[in-house]
Amino acid sequence: MKHRVFTVGSLIPGRLMVKPQAPVPVEKKEKMQPEKIVVEQNGSKIEIQPVKGKLLDTALNQGKQINYKCKKGTCGQCKVKVIKGSGLSLPNEQEQKKLKDELTKSYRLACQAEIL
């Protein structure tokens, strides 16, 4: 087969007859589900499907039972241990104040932790 060199002049419409090629099929990428967040409170493991917002609100909207009281981060009733999952915000000032050293052991306040 003879190689043909194209120049600016050879690209003028109507001068070159090129057979259209069949489109190359593009593989559809499946949407990956975000990893579930698993927390533990009072010995019960709770699986939460990540949705942007507060961890506590997301769990309650999904019918998951997490104990809570004030929703302000002052009482500590919503303290959970994060067993599995990522995508949570860094601990805020209220969590740092209430949980102190427990933050290093993966404890969070569900009312303050944000799912990003």
PDB file of N, CA and C in Angstrom:
ATOM      1  N   MET A   1       0.845  -1.162   0.000  1.00  0.00           N
ATOM      2  CA  MET A   1       0.000   0.000   0.000  1.00  0.00           C
ATOM      3  C   MET A   1       0.893   1.228   0.000  1.00  0.00           C
ATOM      4  N   LYS A   2       0.542   2.173  -0.784  1.00  0.00           N
ATOM      5  CA  LYS A   2       1.323   3.384  -0.950  1.00  0.00           C
ATOM      6  C   LYS A   2       0.988   4.379   0.148  1.00  0.00           C
ATOM      7  N   HIS A   3       2.006   4.941   0.776  1.00  0.00           N
ATOM      8  CA  HIS A   3       1.804   5.971   1.806  1.00  0.00           C
ATOM      9  C   HIS A   3       1.566   7.300   1.135  1.00  0.00           C
ATOM     10  N   ARG A   4       0.622   8.029   1.638  1.00  0.00           N
ATOM     11  CA  ARG A   4       0.307   9.306   1.039  1.00  0.00           C
ATOM     12  C   ARG A   4       0.620  10.401   2.047  1.00  0.00           C
ATOM     13  N   VAL A   5       1.281  11.426   1.627  1.00  0.00           N
ATOM     14  CA  VAL A   5       1.616  12.546   2.483  1.00  0.00           C
ATOM     15  C   VAL A   5       0.574  13.627   2.251  1.00  0.00           C
ATOM     16  N   PHE A   6       0.037  14.126   3.367  1.00  0.00           N
ATOM     17  CA  PHE A   6      -0.966  15.169   3.274  1.00  0.00           C
ATOM     18  C   PHE A   6      -0.316  16.534   3.486  1.00  0.00           C
ATOM     19  N   THR A   7      -0.736  17.465   2.675  1.00  0.00           N
ATOM     20  CA  THR A   7      -0.288  18.842   2.821  1.00  0.00           C
ATOM     21  C   THR A   7      -1.518  19.694   3.082  1.00  0.00           C
ATOM     22  N   VAL A   8      -1.306  20.960   3.397  1.00  0.00           N
ATOM     23  CA  VAL A   8      -2.434  21.842   3.651  1.00  0.00           C
ATOM     24  C   VAL A   8      -3.383  21.871   2.455  1.00  0.00           C
ATOM     25  N   GLY A   9      -2.872  21.906   1.289  1.00  0.00           N
ATOM     26  CA  GLY A   9      -3.692  21.945   0.083  1.00  0.00           C
ATOM     27  C   GLY A   9      -4.477  20.671  -0.131  1.00  0.00           C
ATOM     28  N   SER A  10      -3.943  19.537   0.314  1.00  0.00           N
ATOM     29  CA  SER A  10      -4.644  18.276   0.102  1.00  0.00           C
ATOM     30  C   SER A  10      -5.806  18.103   1.070  1.00  0.00           C
ATOM     31  N   LEU A  11      -5.914  18.962   2.062  1.00  0.00           N
ATOM     32  CA  LEU A  11      -6.988  18.847   3.045  1.00  0.00           C
ATOM     33  C   LEU A  11      -8.193  19.715   2.708  1.00  0.00           C
ATOM     34  N   ILE A  12      -8.190  20.340   1.559  1.00  0.00           N
ATOM     35  CA  ILE A  12      -9.330  21.143   1.140  1.00  0.00           C
ATOM     36  C   ILE A  12     -10.502  20.200   0.891  1.00  0.00           C
ATOM     37  N   PRO A  13     -11.673  20.531   1.438  1.00  0.00           N
ATOM     38  CA  PRO A  13     -12.829  19.644   1.288  1.00  0.00           C
ATOM     39  C   PRO A  13     -13.122  19.337  -0.184  1.00  0.00           C
ATOM     40  N   GLY A  14     -13.455  18.095  -0.435  1.00  0.00           N
ATOM     41  CA  GLY A  14     -13.817  17.677  -1.779  1.00  0.00           C
ATOM     42  C   GLY A  14     -12.627  17.188  -2.584  1.00  0.00           C
ATOM     43  N   ARG A  15     -11.430  17.425  -2.168  1.00  0.00           N
ATOM     44  CA  ARG A  15     -10.247  17.000  -2.909  1.00  0.00           C
ATOM     45  C   ARG A  15      -9.810  15.595  -2.534  1.00  0.00           C
ATOM     46  N   LEU A  16     -10.147  15.184  -1.359  1.00  0.00           N
ATOM     47  CA  LEU A  16      -9.652  13.902  -0.886  1.00  0.00           C
ATOM     48  C   LEU A  16     -10.842  12.988  -0.596  1.00  0.00           C
ATOM     49  N   MET A  17     -10.785  11.824  -1.096  1.00  0.00           N
ATOM     50  CA  MET A  17     -11.849  10.861  -0.854  1.00  0.00           C
ATOM     51  C   MET A  17     -11.339   9.855   0.164  1.00  0.00           C
ATOM     52  N   VAL A  18     -11.884   9.916   1.361  1.00  0.00           N
ATOM     53  CA  VAL A  18     -11.489   8.992   2.414  1.00  0.00           C
ATOM     54  C   VAL A  18     -12.723   8.210   2.826  1.00  0.00           C
ATOM     55  N   LYS A  19     -12.554   6.905   2.921  1.00  0.00           N
ATOM     56  CA  LYS A  19     -13.662   6.060   3.347  1.00  0.00           C
ATOM     57  C   LYS A  19     -13.871   6.249   4.855  1.00  0.00           C
ATOM     58  N   PRO A  20     -15.083   6.508   5.248  1.00  0.00           N
ATOM     59  CA  PRO A  20     -15.325   6.629   6.690  1.00  0.00           C
ATOM     60  C   PRO A  20     -15.133   5.289   7.372  1.00  0.00           C
ATOM     61  N   GLN A  21     -14.541   5.347   8.529  1.00  0.00           N
ATOM     62  CA  GLN A  21     -14.309   4.121   9.276  1.00  0.00           C
ATOM     63  C   GLN A  21     -15.419   3.944  10.302  1.00  0.00           C
ATOM     64  N   ALA A  22     -15.652   2.695  10.635  1.00  0.00           N
ATOM     65  CA  ALA A  22     -16.673   2.390  11.645  1.00  0.00           C
ATOM     66  C   ALA A  22     -16.206   2.964  12.981  1.00  0.00           C
ATOM     67  N   PRO A  23     -17.119   3.505  13.754  1.00  0.00           N
ATOM     68  CA  PRO A  23     -16.723   4.058  15.051  1.00  0.00           C
ATOM     69  C   PRO A  23     -16.175   2.975  15.971  1.00  0.00           C
ATOM     70  N   VAL A  24     -15.198   3.361  16.737  1.00  0.00           N
ATOM     71  CA  VAL A  24     -14.585   2.439  17.681  1.00  0.00           C
ATOM     72  C   VAL A  24     -15.489   2.367  18.904  1.00  0.00           C
ATOM     73  N   PRO A  25     -15.900   1.167  19.289  1.00  0.00           N
ATOM     74  CA  PRO A  25     -16.783   1.058  20.456  1.00  0.00           C
ATOM     75  C   PRO A  25     -16.060   1.506  21.715  1.00  0.00           C
ATOM     76  N   VAL A  26     -16.757   2.267  22.534  1.00  0.00           N
ATOM     77  CA  VAL A  26     -16.200   2.739  23.793  1.00  0.00           C
ATOM     78  C   VAL A  26     -16.804   1.917  24.906  1.00  0.00           C
ATOM     79  N   GLU A  27     -15.929   1.377  25.731  1.00  0.00           N
ATOM     80  CA  GLU A  27     -16.420   0.559  26.840  1.00  0.00           C
ATOM     81  C   GLU A  27     -17.090   1.453  27.861  1.00  0.00           C
ATOM     82  N   LYS A  28     -18.250   1.035  28.292  1.00  0.00           N
ATOM     83  CA  LYS A  28     -18.955   1.792  29.322  1.00  0.00           C
ATOM     84  C   LYS A  28     -18.327   1.464  30.668  1.00  0.00           C
ATOM     85  N   LYS A  29     -17.980   2.515  31.375  1.00  0.00           N
ATOM     86  CA  LYS A  29     -17.434   2.306  32.709  1.00  0.00           C
ATOM     87  C   LYS A  29     -18.599   2.236  33.688  1.00  0.00           C
ATOM     88  N   GLU A  30     -18.582   1.192  34.483  1.00  0.00           N
ATOM     89  CA  GLU A  30     -19.620   1.055  35.484  1.00  0.00           C
ATOM     90  C   GLU A  30     -19.355   2.045  36.604  1.00  0.00           C
ATOM     91  N   LYS A  31     -20.421   2.661  37.081  1.00  0.00           N
ATOM     92  CA  LYS A  31     -20.269   3.563  38.216  1.00  0.00           C
ATOM     93  C   LYS A  31     -19.924   2.733  39.433  1.00  0.00           C
ATOM     94  N   MET A  32     -18.836   3.109  40.048  1.00  0.00           N
ATOM     95  CA  MET A  32     -18.427   2.394  41.242  1.00  0.00           C
ATOM     96  C   MET A  32     -19.169   2.975  42.441  1.00  0.00           C
ATOM     97  N   GLN A  33     -19.739   2.102  43.205  1.00  0.00           N
ATOM     98  CA  GLN A  33     -20.410   2.524  44.425  1.00  0.00           C
ATOM     99  C   GLN A  33     -19.346   2.887  45.446  1.00  0.00           C
ATOM    100  N   PRO A  34     -19.531   4.030  46.138  1.00  0.00           N
ATOM    101  CA  PRO A  34     -18.571   4.359  47.177  1.00  0.00           C
ATOM    102  C   PRO A  34     -18.599   3.302  48.274  1.00  0.00           C
ATOM    103  N   GLU A  35     -17.464   3.134  48.902  1.00  0.00           N
ATOM    104  CA  GLU A  35     -17.324   2.138  49.960  1.00  0.00           C
ATOM    105  C   GLU A  35     -18.241   2.489  51.133  1.00  0.00           C
ATOM    106  N   LYS A  36     -18.942   1.493  51.639  1.00  0.00           N
ATOM    107  CA  LYS A  36     -19.821   1.717  52.784  1.00  0.00           C
ATOM    108  C   LYS A  36     -18.989   2.110  53.995  1.00  0.00           C
ATOM    109  N   ILE A  37     -19.587   2.919  54.826  1.00  0.00           N
ATOM    110  CA  ILE A  37     -18.959   3.303  56.082  1.00  0.00           C
ATOM    111  C   ILE A  37     -19.554   2.413  57.159  1.00  0.00           C
ATOM    112  N   VAL A  38     -18.695   1.767  57.931  1.00  0.00           N
ATOM    113  CA  VAL A  38     -19.154   0.901  59.015  1.00  0.00           C
ATOM    114  C   VAL A  38     -18.702   1.533  60.321  1.00  0.00           C
ATOM    115  N   VAL A  39     -19.662   1.784  61.194  1.00  0.00           N
ATOM    116  CA  VAL A  39     -19.355   2.349  62.506  1.00  0.00           C
ATOM    117  C   VAL A  39     -19.892   1.410  63.578  1.00  0.00           C
ATOM    118  N   GLU A  40     -19.364   1.568  64.773  1.00  0.00           N
ATOM    119  CA  GLU A  40     -19.813   0.752  65.899  1.00  0.00           C
ATOM    120  C   GLU A  40     -20.214   1.675  67.034  1.00  0.00           C
ATOM    121  N   GLN A  41     -21.358   1.378  67.629  1.00  0.00           N
ATOM    122  CA  GLN A  41     -21.824   2.134  68.792  1.00  0.00           C
ATOM    123  C   GLN A  41     -22.469   1.151  69.763  1.00  0.00           C
ATOM    124  N   ASN A  42     -22.001   1.146  70.991  1.00  0.00           N
ATOM    125  CA  ASN A  42     -22.525   0.257  72.040  1.00  0.00           C
ATOM    126  C   ASN A  42     -22.542  -1.206  71.605  1.00  0.00           C
ATOM    127  N   GLY A  43     -21.514  -1.645  70.901  1.00  0.00           N
ATOM    128  CA  GLY A  43     -21.393  -3.043  70.482  1.00  0.00           C
ATOM    129  C   GLY A  43     -22.145  -3.397  69.215  1.00  0.00           C
ATOM    130  N   SER A  44     -22.901  -2.468  68.652  1.00  0.00           N
ATOM    131  CA  SER A  44     -23.649  -2.736  67.410  1.00  0.00           C
ATOM    132  C   SER A  44     -22.925  -2.130  66.220  1.00  0.00           C
ATOM    133  N   LYS A  45     -22.752  -2.926  65.170  1.00  0.00           N
ATOM    134  CA  LYS A  45     -22.145  -2.420  63.935  1.00  0.00           C
ATOM    135  C   LYS A  45     -23.239  -1.887  63.026  1.00  0.00           C
ATOM    136  N   ILE A  46     -22.977  -0.728  62.454  1.00  0.00           N
ATOM    137  CA  ILE A  46     -23.958  -0.059  61.616  1.00  0.00           C
ATOM    138  C   ILE A  46     -23.316   0.248  60.269  1.00  0.00           C
ATOM    139  N   GLU A  47     -23.923  -0.228  59.167  1.00  0.00           N
ATOM    140  CA  GLU A  47     -23.432   0.042  57.811  1.00  0.00           C
ATOM    141  C   GLU A  47     -24.190   1.231  57.237  1.00  0.00           C
ATOM    142  N   ILE A  48     -23.436   2.195  56.722  1.00  0.00           N
ATOM    143  CA  ILE A  48     -24.042   3.403  56.171  1.00  0.00           C
ATOM    144  C   ILE A  48     -23.564   3.589  54.743  1.00  0.00           C
ATOM    145  N   GLN A  49     -24.505   3.762  53.822  1.00  0.00           N
ATOM    146  CA  GLN A  49     -24.161   4.069  52.433  1.00  0.00           C
ATOM    147  C   GLN A  49     -23.796   5.550  52.376  1.00  0.00           C
ATOM    148  N   PRO A  50     -22.571   5.907  51.948  1.00  0.00           N
ATOM    149  CA  PRO A  50     -22.147   7.306  51.971  1.00  0.00           C
ATOM    150  C   PRO A  50     -22.990   8.218  51.089  1.00  0.00           C
ATOM    151  N   VAL A  51     -23.479   9.288  51.690  1.00  0.00           N
ATOM    152  CA  VAL A  51     -24.190  10.362  51.009  1.00  0.00           C
ATOM    153  C   VAL A  51     -23.675  11.645  51.636  1.00  0.00           C
ATOM    154  N   LYS A  52     -23.380  12.629  50.808  1.00  0.00           N
ATOM    155  CA  LYS A  52     -22.799  13.862  51.311  1.00  0.00           C
ATOM    156  C   LYS A  52     -23.673  14.479  52.409  1.00  0.00           C
ATOM    157  N   GLY A  53     -23.039  14.832  53.522  1.00  0.00           N
ATOM    158  CA  GLY A  53     -23.757  15.437  54.641  1.00  0.00           C
ATOM    159  C   GLY A  53     -23.224  14.903  55.958  1.00  0.00           C
ATOM    160  N   LYS A  54     -23.918  15.223  57.033  1.00  0.00           N
ATOM    161  CA  LYS A  54     -23.527  14.755  58.368  1.00  0.00           C
ATOM    162  C   LYS A  54     -23.731  13.249  58.469  1.00  0.00           C
ATOM    163  N   LEU A  55     -22.788  12.587  59.128  1.00  0.00           N
ATOM    164  CA  LEU A  55     -22.844  11.138  59.296  1.00  0.00           C
ATOM    165  C   LEU A  55     -24.120  10.725  60.027  1.00  0.00           C
ATOM    166  N   LEU A  56     -24.479  11.432  61.070  1.00  0.00           N
ATOM    167  CA  LEU A  56     -25.681  11.106  61.838  1.00  0.00           C
ATOM    168  C   LEU A  56     -26.935  11.253  60.991  1.00  0.00           C
ATOM    169  N   ASP A  57     -27.069  12.358  60.292  1.00  0.00           N
ATOM    170  CA  ASP A  57     -28.255  12.588  59.463  1.00  0.00           C
ATOM    171  C   ASP A  57     -28.382  11.529  58.365  1.00  0.00           C
ATOM    172  N   THR A  58     -27.259  11.189  57.755  1.00  0.00           N
ATOM    173  CA  THR A  58     -27.269  10.168  56.703  1.00  0.00           C
ATOM    174  C   THR A  58     -27.735   8.829  57.256  1.00  0.00           C
ATOM    175  N   ALA A  59     -27.206   8.447  58.415  1.00  0.00           N
ATOM    176  CA  ALA A  59     -27.592   7.172  59.033  1.00  0.00           C
ATOM    177  C   ALA A  59     -29.075   7.162  59.376  1.00  0.00           C
ATOM    178  N   LEU A  60     -29.556   8.235  59.972  1.00  0.00           N
ATOM    179  CA  LEU A  60     -30.976   8.300  60.348  1.00  0.00           C
ATOM    180  C   LEU A  60     -31.882   8.263  59.121  1.00  0.00           C
ATOM    181  N   ASN A  61     -31.475   8.939  58.043  1.00  0.00           N
ATOM    182  CA  ASN A  61     -32.257   8.922  56.796  1.00  0.00           C
ATOM    183  C   ASN A  61     -32.323   7.532  56.173  1.00  0.00           C
ATOM    184  N   GLN A  62     -31.321   6.706  56.474  1.00  0.00           N
ATOM    185  CA  GLN A  62     -31.293   5.338  55.941  1.00  0.00           C
ATOM    186  C   GLN A  62     -31.912   4.338  56.924  1.00  0.00           C
ATOM    187  N   GLY A  63     -32.531   4.841  57.991  1.00  0.00           N
ATOM    188  CA  GLY A  63     -33.191   3.974  58.959  1.00  0.00           C
ATOM    189  C   GLY A  63     -32.242   3.283  59.916  1.00  0.00           C
ATOM    190  N   LYS A  64     -31.024   3.762  60.032  1.00  0.00           N
ATOM    191  CA  LYS A  64     -30.034   3.163  60.931  1.00  0.00           C
ATOM    192  C   LYS A  64     -30.147   3.840  62.296  1.00  0.00           C
ATOM    193  N   GLN A  65     -30.071   3.054  63.336  1.00  0.00           N
ATOM    194  CA  GLN A  65     -30.223   3.576  64.688  1.00  0.00           C
ATOM    195  C   GLN A  65     -28.871   3.952  65.287  1.00  0.00           C
ATOM    196  N   ILE A  66     -28.665   5.228  65.465  1.00  0.00           N
ATOM    197  CA  ILE A  66     -27.507   5.746  66.179  1.00  0.00           C
ATOM    198  C   ILE A  66     -28.060   6.597  67.316  1.00  0.00           C
ATOM    199  N   ASN A  67     -27.585   6.319  68.532  1.00  0.00           N
ATOM    200  CA  ASN A  67     -28.037   7.101  69.676  1.00  0.00           C
ATOM    201  C   ASN A  67     -27.480   8.512  69.571  1.00  0.00           C
ATOM    202  N   TYR A  68     -28.319   9.486  69.882  1.00  0.00           N
ATOM    203  CA  TYR A  68     -27.901  10.887  69.868  1.00  0.00           C
ATOM    204  C   TYR A  68     -28.822  11.669  70.787  1.00  0.00           C
ATOM    205  N   LYS A  69     -28.420  12.889  71.102  1.00  0.00           N
ATOM    206  CA  LYS A  69     -29.267  13.721  71.939  1.00  0.00           C
ATOM    207  C   LYS A  69     -29.303  15.159  71.427  1.00  0.00           C
ATOM    208  N   CYS A  70     -28.163  15.853  71.445  1.00  0.00           N
ATOM    209  CA  CYS A  70     -28.185  17.297  71.194  1.00  0.00           C
ATOM    210  C   CYS A  70     -27.931  17.704  69.738  1.00  0.00           C
ATOM    211  N   LYS A  71     -27.269  16.882  68.971  1.00  0.00           N
ATOM    212  CA  LYS A  71     -26.874  17.178  67.584  1.00  0.00           C
ATOM    213  C   LYS A  71     -25.968  18.412  67.472  1.00  0.00           C
ATOM    214  N   LYS A  72     -25.346  18.810  68.566  1.00  0.00           N
ATOM    215  CA  LYS A  72     -24.442  19.966  68.568  1.00  0.00           C
ATOM    216  C   LYS A  72     -23.006  19.578  68.898  1.00  0.00           C
ATOM    217  N   GLY A  73     -22.791  18.339  69.303  1.00  0.00           N
ATOM    218  CA  GLY A  73     -21.442  17.895  69.648  1.00  0.00           C
ATOM    219  C   GLY A  73     -21.050  18.152  71.086  1.00  0.00           C
ATOM    220  N   THR A  74     -22.025  18.488  71.925  1.00  0.00           N
ATOM    221  CA  THR A  74     -21.689  18.782  73.314  1.00  0.00           C
ATOM    222  C   THR A  74     -21.950  17.614  74.270  1.00  0.00           C
ATOM    223  N   CYS A  75     -22.932  16.776  73.965  1.00  0.00           N
ATOM    224  CA  CYS A  75     -23.298  15.707  74.903  1.00  0.00           C
ATOM    225  C   CYS A  75     -22.463  14.433  74.721  1.00  0.00           C
ATOM    226  N   GLY A  76     -22.029  14.139  73.507  1.00  0.00           N
ATOM    227  CA  GLY A  76     -21.229  12.937  73.247  1.00  0.00           C
ATOM    228  C   GLY A  76     -22.043  11.665  73.078  1.00  0.00           C
ATOM    229  N   GLN A  77     -23.361  11.748  73.075  1.00  0.00           N
ATOM    230  CA  GLN A  77     -24.208  10.557  72.932  1.00  0.00           C
ATOM    231  C   GLN A  77     -24.032   9.861  71.578  1.00  0.00           C
ATOM    232  N   CYS A  78     -23.663  10.618  70.563  1.00  0.00           N
ATOM    233  CA  CYS A  78     -23.564  10.059  69.208  1.00  0.00           C
ATOM    234  C   CYS A  78     -22.153   9.558  68.877  1.00  0.00           C
ATOM    235  N   LYS A  79     -21.328   9.364  69.895  1.00  0.00           N
ATOM    236  CA  LYS A  79     -19.954   8.903  69.668  1.00  0.00           C
ATOM    237  C   LYS A  79     -19.973   7.508  69.040  1.00  0.00           C
ATOM    238  N   VAL A  80     -19.261   7.365  67.916  1.00  0.00           N
ATOM    239  CA  VAL A  80     -19.150   6.079  67.219  1.00  0.00           C
ATOM    240  C   VAL A  80     -17.686   5.805  66.913  1.00  0.00           C
ATOM    241  N   LYS A  81     -17.376   4.538  66.740  1.00  0.00           N
ATOM    242  CA  LYS A  81     -16.037   4.154  66.312  1.00  0.00           C
ATOM    243  C   LYS A  81     -16.123   3.781  64.842  1.00  0.00           C
ATOM    244  N   VAL A  82     -15.304   4.418  64.002  1.00  0.00           N
ATOM    245  CA  VAL A  82     -15.311   4.126  62.566  1.00  0.00           C
ATOM    246  C   VAL A  82     -14.475   2.860  62.344  1.00  0.00           C
ATOM    247  N   ILE A  83     -15.143   1.794  61.911  1.00  0.00           N
ATOM    248  CA  ILE A  83     -14.499   0.506  61.672  1.00  0.00           C
ATOM    249  C   ILE A  83     -13.959   0.432  60.245  1.00  0.00           C
ATOM    250  N   LYS A  84     -14.768   0.912  59.291  1.00  0.00           N
ATOM    251  CA  LYS A  84     -14.411   0.800  57.876  1.00  0.00           C
ATOM    252  C   LYS A  84     -14.980   1.995  57.133  1.00  0.00           C
ATOM    253  N   GLY A  85     -14.245   2.408  56.112  1.00  0.00           N
ATOM    254  CA  GLY A  85     -14.741   3.488  55.269  1.00  0.00           C
ATOM    255  C   GLY A  85     -13.848   4.704  55.333  1.00  0.00           C
ATOM    256  N   SER A  86     -13.975   5.509  54.312  1.00  0.00           N
ATOM    257  CA  SER A  86     -13.190   6.738  54.251  1.00  0.00           C
ATOM    258  C   SER A  86     -14.097   7.822  53.699  1.00  0.00           C
ATOM    259  N   GLY A  87     -13.532   8.991  53.492  1.00  0.00           N
ATOM    260  CA  GLY A  87     -14.334  10.066  52.934  1.00  0.00           C
ATOM    261  C   GLY A  87     -15.000  10.930  53.984  1.00  0.00           C
ATOM    262  N   LEU A  88     -14.516  10.839  55.221  1.00  0.00           N
ATOM    263  CA  LEU A  88     -15.052  11.695  56.273  1.00  0.00           C
ATOM    264  C   LEU A  88     -14.165  12.925  56.424  1.00  0.00           C
ATOM    265  N   SER A  89     -14.782  14.013  56.850  1.00  0.00           N
ATOM    266  CA  SER A  89     -14.030  15.242  57.096  1.00  0.00           C
ATOM    267  C   SER A  89     -13.057  15.034  58.254  1.00  0.00           C
ATOM    268  N   LEU A  90     -12.104  15.936  58.354  1.00  0.00           N
ATOM    269  CA  LEU A  90     -11.213  15.919  59.505  1.00  0.00           C
ATOM    270  C   LEU A  90     -12.015  16.323  60.735  1.00  0.00           C
ATOM    271  N   PRO A  91     -11.627  15.840  61.914  1.00  0.00           N
ATOM    272  CA  PRO A  91     -12.363  16.219  63.125  1.00  0.00           C
ATOM    273  C   PRO A  91     -12.361  17.731  63.320  1.00  0.00           C
ATOM    274  N   ASN A  92     -13.543  18.280  63.616  1.00  0.00           N
ATOM    275  CA  ASN A  92     -13.646  19.715  63.829  1.00  0.00           C
ATOM    276  C   ASN A  92     -13.291  20.057  65.281  1.00  0.00           C
ATOM    277  N   GLU A  93     -13.377  21.317  65.618  1.00  0.00           N
ATOM    278  CA  GLU A  93     -12.986  21.792  66.947  1.00  0.00           C
ATOM    279  C   GLU A  93     -13.826  21.148  68.056  1.00  0.00           C
ATOM    280  N   GLN A  94     -15.121  20.995  67.795  1.00  0.00           N
ATOM    281  CA  GLN A  94     -16.018  20.403  68.791  1.00  0.00           C
ATOM    282  C   GLN A  94     -15.634  18.951  69.077  1.00  0.00           C
ATOM    283  N   GLU A  95     -15.296  18.190  68.028  1.00  0.00           N
ATOM    284  CA  GLU A  95     -14.880  16.796  68.216  1.00  0.00           C
ATOM    285  C   GLU A  95     -13.557  16.728  68.967  1.00  0.00           C
ATOM    286  N   GLN A  96     -12.637  17.593  68.612  1.00  0.00           N
ATOM    287  CA  GLN A  96     -11.336  17.600  69.279  1.00  0.00           C
ATOM    288  C   GLN A  96     -11.497  17.906  70.763  1.00  0.00           C
ATOM    289  N   LYS A  97     -12.381  18.811  71.076  1.00  0.00           N
ATOM    290  CA  LYS A  97     -12.631  19.216  72.458  1.00  0.00           C
ATOM    291  C   LYS A  97     -13.285  18.076  73.253  1.00  0.00           C
ATOM    292  N   LYS A  98     -14.262  17.406  72.650  1.00  0.00           N
ATOM    293  CA  LYS A  98     -15.024  16.369  73.345  1.00  0.00           C
ATOM    294  C   LYS A  98     -14.304  15.023  73.388  1.00  0.00           C
ATOM    295  N   LEU A  99     -13.689  14.618  72.293  1.00  0.00           N
ATOM    296  CA  LEU A  99     -13.119  13.272  72.197  1.00  0.00           C
ATOM    297  C   LEU A  99     -11.641  13.182  72.597  1.00  0.00           C
ATOM    298  N   LYS A 100     -10.914  14.253  72.460  1.00  0.00           N
ATOM    299  CA  LYS A 100      -9.482  14.333  72.800  1.00  0.00           C
ATOM    300  C   LYS A 100      -8.707  13.151  72.229  1.00  0.00           C
ATOM    301  N   ASP A 101      -8.157  12.280  73.096  1.00  0.00           N
ATOM    302  CA  ASP A 101      -7.301  11.162  72.655  1.00  0.00           C
ATOM    303  C   ASP A 101      -8.068  10.065  71.926  1.00  0.00           C
ATOM    304  N   GLU A 102      -9.375  10.017  72.093  1.00  0.00           N
ATOM    305  CA  GLU A 102     -10.163   8.980  71.425  1.00  0.00           C
ATOM    306  C   GLU A 102     -10.171   9.153  69.909  1.00  0.00           C
ATOM    307  N   LEU A 103      -9.861  10.361  69.435  1.00  0.00           N
ATOM    308  CA  LEU A 103      -9.784  10.588  67.978  1.00  0.00           C
ATOM    309  C   LEU A 103      -8.730   9.685  67.347  1.00  0.00           C
ATOM    310  N   THR A 104      -7.636   9.435  68.044  1.00  0.00           N
ATOM    311  CA  THR A 104      -6.576   8.573  67.503  1.00  0.00           C
ATOM    312  C   THR A 104      -7.004   7.107  67.452  1.00  0.00           C
ATOM    313  N   LYS A 105      -8.086   6.774  68.153  1.00  0.00           N
ATOM    314  CA  LYS A 105      -8.609   5.396  68.164  1.00  0.00           C
ATOM    315  C   LYS A 105      -9.821   5.263  67.245  1.00  0.00           C
ATOM    316  N   SER A 106      -9.971   6.205  66.299  1.00  0.00           N
ATOM    317  CA  SER A 106     -11.021   6.191  65.270  1.00  0.00           C
ATOM    318  C   SER A 106     -12.412   6.511  65.795  1.00  0.00           C
ATOM    319  N   TYR A 107     -12.524   7.174  66.922  1.00  0.00           N
ATOM    320  CA  TYR A 107     -13.832   7.596  67.404  1.00  0.00           C
ATOM    321  C   TYR A 107     -14.182   8.945  66.798  1.00  0.00           C
ATOM    322  N   ARG A 108     -15.465   9.117  66.504  1.00  0.00           N
ATOM    323  CA  ARG A 108     -15.974  10.385  65.949  1.00  0.00           C
ATOM    324  C   ARG A 108     -17.336  10.679  66.553  1.00  0.00           C
ATOM    325  N   LEU A 109     -17.724  11.932  66.511  1.00  0.00           N
ATOM    326  CA  LEU A 109     -19.084  12.321  66.864  1.00  0.00           C
ATOM    327  C   LEU A 109     -19.888  12.306  65.571  1.00  0.00           C
ATOM    328  N   ALA A 110     -20.895  11.455  65.500  1.00  0.00           N
ATOM    329  CA  ALA A 110     -21.672  11.288  64.266  1.00  0.00           C
ATOM    330  C   ALA A 110     -22.377  12.575  63.870  1.00  0.00           C
ATOM    331  N   CYS A 111     -22.702  13.420  64.842  1.00  0.00           N
ATOM    332  CA  CYS A 111     -23.399  14.667  64.519  1.00  0.00           C
ATOM    333  C   CYS A 111     -22.467  15.726  63.958  1.00  0.00           C
ATOM    334  N   GLN A 112     -21.166  15.534  64.085  1.00  0.00           N
ATOM    335  CA  GLN A 112     -20.193  16.512  63.620  1.00  0.00           C
ATOM    336  C   GLN A 112     -19.410  16.034  62.399  1.00  0.00           C
ATOM    337  N   ALA A 113     -19.203  14.720  62.273  1.00  0.00           N
ATOM    338  CA  ALA A 113     -18.439  14.166  61.148  1.00  0.00           C
ATOM    339  C   ALA A 113     -19.217  14.334  59.852  1.00  0.00           C
ATOM    340  N   GLU A 114     -18.566  14.905  58.859  1.00  0.00           N
ATOM    341  CA  GLU A 114     -19.180  15.130  57.546  1.00  0.00           C
ATOM    342  C   GLU A 114     -18.711  14.058  56.568  1.00  0.00           C
ATOM    343  N   ILE A 115     -19.656  13.544  55.773  1.00  0.00           N
ATOM    344  CA  ILE A 115     -19.297  12.664  54.671  1.00  0.00           C
ATOM    345  C   ILE A 115     -19.051  13.568  53.470  1.00  0.00           C
ATOM    346  N   LEU A 116     -17.870  13.476  52.915  1.00  0.00           N
ATOM    347  CA  LEU A 116     -17.496  14.360  51.789  1.00  0.00           C
ATOM    348  C   LEU A 116     -17.899  13.777  50.453  1.00  0.00           C
TER     349      LEU A 116
END
